[in-house]
Amino acid sequence: MYLLVILLAYSLERTLEITRNLHWRRIILRWQHWQVRGAQLEAWRQHDLGQVLWAIIPALFIGFVLALLNNVLLTFLVSAAGILAAIQAPAARAAYKRYLQAESEEDGAEQARQLKLLQQASGRKEAAPVEHLLLWIHLRHYFAVMIYFVLLGVTGALVYATLRDMRHNKSPRWQTVDQIINWLPTRLMTLGFLLVGNFSKALPVWLSSIGNKPQNNFIALTKVGELADDLTAPTTTALVKRNFLLYVVFVALLTIGGWV
C-alpha cells in the first residue's frame, strides 16, 4: 500500500492543482490560530512545547481515527490525500519556472527577483545558489515526507510537515528541532546521491556528515550534491529525480518482501 500511496500522491501533485485551503501548511496555520476559551489553555499554547503539542493534534487525530476504524481502503485514501496536502510547494514551483524563463530571456533583474522568491519558498534566510535551494526544497517538501511516511505512516509524515510549516519563533530551540527532524532525511537523500552520482568523490563528505561532529543539514546536503554531480539548475533536477526513483524502487522491493 505504501508504494501505491506514494505513486498516486506524487503523480497527482504533478498534474492536479488543489486549492490552497487544502494545503497542509494552510490547515496547520488556521489550526494554530483557532481561538479557544480558557486563559490557562491559551497560556499553555504560548510555550514552545505547548505550541508543538497543539499543532500536531490534527496529525495525531487522523492517525487515531485510521487506527480505530482499521479500514484498508480508508487508510489508503486518507494517506494519499494527506501526502498530497503535505508535499504542496506551489510558490517554489512557480518561482522556479519564472526563473528559467527569465534566464532564457537573459533578464538578470527578473532572475534575481525570482531567486529571492525561491529562497523565501525554501524557508532559508540566507541567500544561496539556485541549485542549493532546489535541493533543499526537494528535501523538505518531497523526500522527507516520503521517508517519514514509509517509516511512521501518514501520521509521521503529517507530523513532520506540521513541524516544517507551523508558525513559531526563531529561537535556538526551534533551530534544533529543525536540525533533528531533517537529519535522517538529509543523510538518506545524500546516500542516494552517492548511488546515482559520483560515489568515490562524494563518499568522504557523506561519511563525515554522519560522524560525531554535528553538521548543518543544508551544508551536508549541498556539499554531497556538488560532489555527486556537476550542479546546474537542469542537472540538479535530474539528480533529485534519479534519487527519488531509486528510493521508489527501494520501497517497491520492501513491499515485495513484505516489510512494509
Protein backbone atom coordinates (compact mmCIF):
# COMPACT_ATOMS: atom_id res chain seq x y z
CA MET A 1 0.00 0.00 0.00
CA TYR A 2 2.87 2.39 0.79
CA LEU A 3 4.15 2.21 -2.77
CA LEU A 4 0.71 2.84 -4.29
CA VAL A 5 0.11 5.81 -1.97
CA ILE A 6 3.46 7.35 -2.90
CA LEU A 7 2.93 6.86 -6.64
CA LEU A 8 -0.62 8.22 -6.52
CA ALA A 9 0.11 11.26 -4.34
CA TYR A 10 3.26 12.34 -6.15
CA SER A 11 1.67 11.81 -9.57
CA LEU A 12 -1.35 13.90 -8.61
CA GLU A 13 0.92 16.65 -7.28
CA ARG A 14 2.41 16.97 -10.76
CA THR A 15 -0.91 17.01 -12.60
CA LEU A 16 -3.54 18.34 -10.18
CA GLU A 17 -3.71 21.86 -8.80
CA ILE A 18 -5.56 21.79 -5.50
CA THR A 19 -6.92 24.82 -3.70
CA ARG A 20 -4.63 26.47 -1.18
CA ASN A 21 -7.17 25.81 1.57
CA LEU A 22 -6.31 22.10 1.30
CA HIS A 23 -2.56 22.59 1.59
CA TRP A 24 -1.33 21.18 4.89
CA ARG A 25 0.51 24.41 5.68
CA ARG A 26 -2.72 26.41 5.41
CA ILE A 27 -4.60 23.86 7.53
CA ILE A 28 -1.97 23.98 10.27
CA LEU A 29 -1.74 27.76 10.33
CA ARG A 30 -5.51 28.02 10.68
CA TRP A 31 -5.48 25.40 13.43
CA GLN A 32 -2.73 27.25 15.29
CA HIS A 33 -4.76 30.45 15.25
CA TRP A 34 -8.05 28.82 16.19
CA GLN A 35 -9.39 30.69 19.17
CA VAL A 36 -10.24 28.62 22.24
CA ARG A 37 -11.80 29.63 25.50
CA GLY A 38 -9.80 29.36 28.68
CA ALA A 39 -6.94 31.52 29.85
CA GLN A 40 -4.96 28.53 31.08
CA LEU A 41 -5.09 26.79 27.69
CA GLU A 42 -4.09 29.98 25.88
CA ALA A 43 -1.16 30.47 28.25
CA TRP A 44 -0.08 26.86 27.73
CA ARG A 45 -0.13 27.35 23.96
CA GLN A 46 2.39 30.18 24.26
CA HIS A 47 5.18 27.86 25.39
CA ASP A 48 7.33 26.02 22.83
CA LEU A 49 6.19 22.57 23.94
CA GLY A 50 2.58 23.68 24.08
CA GLN A 51 2.83 25.06 20.54
CA VAL A 52 4.16 21.74 19.26
CA LEU A 53 1.60 19.61 21.06
CA TRP A 54 -1.25 21.82 19.91
CA ALA A 55 -0.01 21.93 16.31
CA ILE A 56 0.36 18.15 15.91
CA ILE A 57 -3.15 17.37 17.20
CA PRO A 58 -4.65 17.20 13.64
CA ALA A 59 -1.98 14.70 12.52
CA LEU A 60 -2.41 12.60 15.66
CA PHE A 61 -6.21 12.73 15.31
CA ILE A 62 -6.01 11.43 11.74
CA GLY A 63 -3.76 8.60 12.85
CA PHE A 64 -6.06 7.75 15.77
CA VAL A 65 -9.17 7.60 13.58
CA LEU A 66 -7.43 5.42 10.97
CA ALA A 67 -6.19 3.03 13.67
CA LEU A 68 -9.64 2.92 15.27
CA LEU A 69 -11.50 2.15 12.04
CA ASN A 70 -8.76 -0.17 10.70
CA ASN A 71 -10.09 0.02 7.14
CA VAL A 72 -7.55 -0.59 4.37
CA LEU A 73 -9.38 1.42 1.69
CA LEU A 74 -9.98 4.38 4.01
CA THR A 75 -6.36 4.32 5.15
CA PHE A 76 -5.19 4.29 1.54
CA LEU A 77 -7.38 7.23 0.52
CA VAL A 78 -6.62 9.33 3.60
CA SER A 79 -2.90 8.59 3.33
CA ALA A 80 -2.81 9.64 -0.32
CA ALA A 81 -4.75 12.82 0.45
CA GLY A 82 -2.53 13.59 3.44
CA ILE A 83 0.68 13.11 1.49
CA LEU A 84 -0.68 15.19 -1.39
CA ALA A 85 -1.52 18.03 1.01
CA ALA A 86 1.88 17.80 2.72
CA ILE A 87 4.08 17.95 -0.40
CA GLN A 88 2.50 21.04 -1.93
CA ALA A 89 5.06 23.72 -2.85
CA PRO A 90 3.31 25.89 -5.46
CA ALA A 91 5.27 29.07 -4.64
CA ALA A 92 8.60 27.32 -5.19
CA ARG A 93 7.42 25.67 -8.42
CA ALA A 94 6.09 28.95 -9.84
CA ALA A 95 9.23 30.90 -8.88
CA TYR A 96 11.48 28.29 -10.48
CA LYS A 97 9.51 28.30 -13.73
CA ARG A 98 9.71 32.10 -13.91
CA TYR A 99 13.42 31.92 -13.06
CA LEU A 100 14.06 29.62 -16.02
CA GLN A 101 12.00 31.86 -18.28
CA ALA A 102 13.96 34.94 -17.18
CA GLU A 103 17.20 33.03 -17.73
CA SER A 104 16.21 32.16 -21.31
CA GLU A 105 15.30 35.81 -21.92
CA GLU A 106 18.57 36.95 -20.31
CA ASP A 107 16.66 39.14 -17.86
CA GLY A 108 19.08 39.41 -14.93
CA ALA A 109 16.86 41.60 -12.77
CA GLU A 110 13.91 39.21 -13.07
CA GLN A 111 16.20 36.26 -12.38
CA ALA A 112 17.38 37.88 -9.16
CA ARG A 113 13.79 38.61 -8.11
CA GLN A 114 12.64 35.05 -8.74
CA LEU A 115 15.70 33.67 -6.95
CA LYS A 116 14.71 35.72 -3.92
CA LEU A 117 11.17 34.31 -4.09
CA LEU A 118 12.61 30.82 -4.41
CA GLN A 119 14.74 31.46 -1.33
CA GLN A 120 11.65 32.55 0.62
CA ALA A 121 9.75 29.47 -0.53
CA SER A 122 12.61 27.26 0.64
CA GLY A 123 12.43 28.64 4.18
CA ARG A 124 16.03 29.86 4.07
CA LYS A 125 17.05 33.26 5.40
CA GLU A 126 20.47 33.24 3.78
CA ALA A 127 20.98 33.71 0.05
CA ALA A 128 22.10 30.62 -1.84
CA PRO A 129 22.58 29.49 -5.45
CA VAL A 130 19.50 28.22 -7.22
CA GLU A 131 20.93 24.67 -7.27
CA HIS A 132 21.24 24.60 -3.48
CA LEU A 133 17.74 25.98 -3.00
CA LEU A 134 16.29 23.32 -5.31
CA LEU A 135 17.97 20.57 -3.29
CA TRP A 136 16.65 22.00 -0.02
CA ILE A 137 13.11 22.42 -1.32
CA HIS A 138 13.06 18.87 -2.66
CA LEU A 139 14.33 17.54 0.66
CA ARG A 140 11.76 19.33 2.83
CA HIS A 141 8.70 19.11 0.62
CA TYR A 142 9.11 15.79 -1.15
CA PHE A 143 11.82 13.45 0.06
CA ALA A 144 11.47 13.86 3.83
CA VAL A 145 7.69 13.44 3.62
CA MET A 146 8.16 10.16 1.77
CA ILE A 147 10.76 8.90 4.25
CA TYR A 148 8.62 9.63 7.30
CA PHE A 149 5.59 8.11 5.59
CA VAL A 150 7.46 4.85 4.94
CA LEU A 151 8.84 4.79 8.50
CA LEU A 152 5.85 6.05 10.52
CA GLY A 153 2.84 6.08 8.22
CA VAL A 154 0.74 9.07 7.29
CA THR A 155 0.79 10.32 10.89
CA GLY A 156 4.57 10.54 10.84
CA ALA A 157 4.56 12.33 7.50
CA LEU A 158 1.98 14.85 8.70
CA VAL A 159 3.77 15.45 12.00
CA TYR A 160 6.93 16.22 10.02
CA ALA A 161 5.02 18.55 7.68
CA THR A 162 3.48 20.24 10.72
CA LEU A 163 6.83 20.95 12.34
CA ARG A 164 8.15 22.12 8.97
CA ASP A 165 5.29 24.53 8.28
CA MET A 166 3.95 25.71 11.64
CA ARG A 167 4.43 29.32 12.66
CA HIS A 168 6.85 29.72 15.57
CA ASN A 169 9.52 31.99 16.97
CA LYS A 170 13.06 31.77 15.61
CA SER A 171 14.66 30.70 18.87
CA PRO A 172 17.65 28.30 19.02
CA ARG A 173 15.27 25.60 20.28
CA TRP A 174 13.36 25.65 17.02
CA GLN A 175 16.59 25.55 15.03
CA THR A 176 17.49 22.42 16.99
CA VAL A 177 14.10 20.88 16.19
CA ASP A 178 14.61 21.63 12.51
CA GLN A 179 18.07 20.07 12.66
CA ILE A 180 16.69 16.92 14.29
CA ILE A 181 13.71 16.29 12.00
CA ASN A 182 15.78 16.83 8.84
CA TRP A 183 18.87 14.92 9.97
CA LEU A 184 17.78 11.45 8.83
CA PRO A 185 16.16 12.55 5.52
CA THR A 186 19.28 14.55 4.67
CA ARG A 187 21.59 11.59 5.23
CA LEU A 188 19.35 9.22 3.30
CA MET A 189 18.92 11.64 0.41
CA THR A 190 22.66 12.23 0.16
CA LEU A 191 23.24 8.47 0.40
CA GLY A 192 21.12 8.18 -2.73
CA PHE A 193 23.30 10.82 -4.37
CA LEU A 194 26.27 8.52 -3.85
CA LEU A 195 24.48 5.71 -5.64
CA VAL A 196 23.18 7.73 -8.59
CA GLY A 197 26.11 10.14 -8.86
CA ASN A 198 29.88 10.20 -8.34
CA PHE A 199 30.27 7.71 -5.49
CA SER A 200 34.01 7.97 -4.88
CA LYS A 201 34.12 11.78 -4.73
CA ALA A 202 31.08 12.23 -2.51
CA LEU A 203 31.63 9.33 -0.09
CA PRO A 204 34.17 11.02 2.25
CA VAL A 205 31.92 14.05 2.75
CA TRP A 206 28.88 11.84 3.33
CA LEU A 207 30.76 9.81 5.95
CA SER A 208 31.80 13.00 7.72
CA SER A 209 28.18 14.14 7.80
CA ILE A 210 27.16 11.13 9.88
CA GLY A 211 30.18 11.22 12.20
CA ASN A 212 30.47 12.55 15.72
CA LYS A 213 30.80 16.16 14.62
CA PRO A 214 27.34 17.74 14.14
CA GLN A 215 26.91 19.26 10.71
CA ASN A 216 24.30 21.61 9.37
CA ASN A 217 21.82 19.70 7.21
CA PHE A 218 21.83 22.31 4.44
CA ILE A 219 25.63 22.26 4.24
CA ALA A 220 25.76 18.47 4.28
CA LEU A 221 23.12 18.25 1.54
CA THR A 222 24.71 20.77 -0.78
CA LYS A 223 28.30 19.57 -0.30
CA VAL A 224 27.45 15.98 -1.14
CA GLY A 225 25.25 17.11 -4.03
CA GLU A 226 28.06 19.19 -5.53
CA LEU A 227 30.48 16.28 -5.37
CA ALA A 228 27.96 13.74 -6.65
CA ASP A 229 27.21 15.79 -9.77
CA ASP A 230 28.24 18.95 -11.55
CA LEU A 231 25.32 21.01 -10.28
CA THR A 232 23.44 23.40 -12.52
CA ALA A 233 19.71 24.00 -12.41
CA PRO A 234 18.93 21.26 -15.01
CA THR A 235 21.42 18.73 -13.58
CA THR A 236 20.09 19.34 -10.07
CA THR A 237 16.54 18.47 -11.06
CA ALA A 238 17.85 15.41 -12.91
CA LEU A 239 19.83 14.34 -9.84
CA VAL A 240 16.89 14.58 -7.45
CA LYS A 241 14.66 12.73 -9.92
CA ARG A 242 17.14 9.86 -10.19
CA ASN A 243 17.48 9.80 -6.43
CA PHE A 244 13.72 9.78 -5.92
CA LEU A 245 13.25 6.93 -8.40
CA LEU A 246 15.97 4.99 -6.58
CA TYR A 247 14.02 5.17 -3.34
CA VAL A 248 10.73 4.36 -5.06
CA VAL A 249 12.39 1.17 -6.32
CA PHE A 250 13.65 0.51 -2.78
CA VAL A 251 10.13 0.91 -1.39
CA ALA A 252 8.88 -1.45 -4.11
CA LEU A 253 11.41 -4.07 -3.02
CA LEU A 254 10.37 -3.65 0.61
CA THR A 255 6.75 -4.06 -0.46
CA ILE A 256 7.50 -7.23 -2.44
CA GLY A 257 9.43 -8.61 0.53
CA GLY A 258 6.51 -7.88 2.85
CA TRP A 259 8.46 -5.50 5.11
CA VAL A 260 6.13 -2.53 4.58
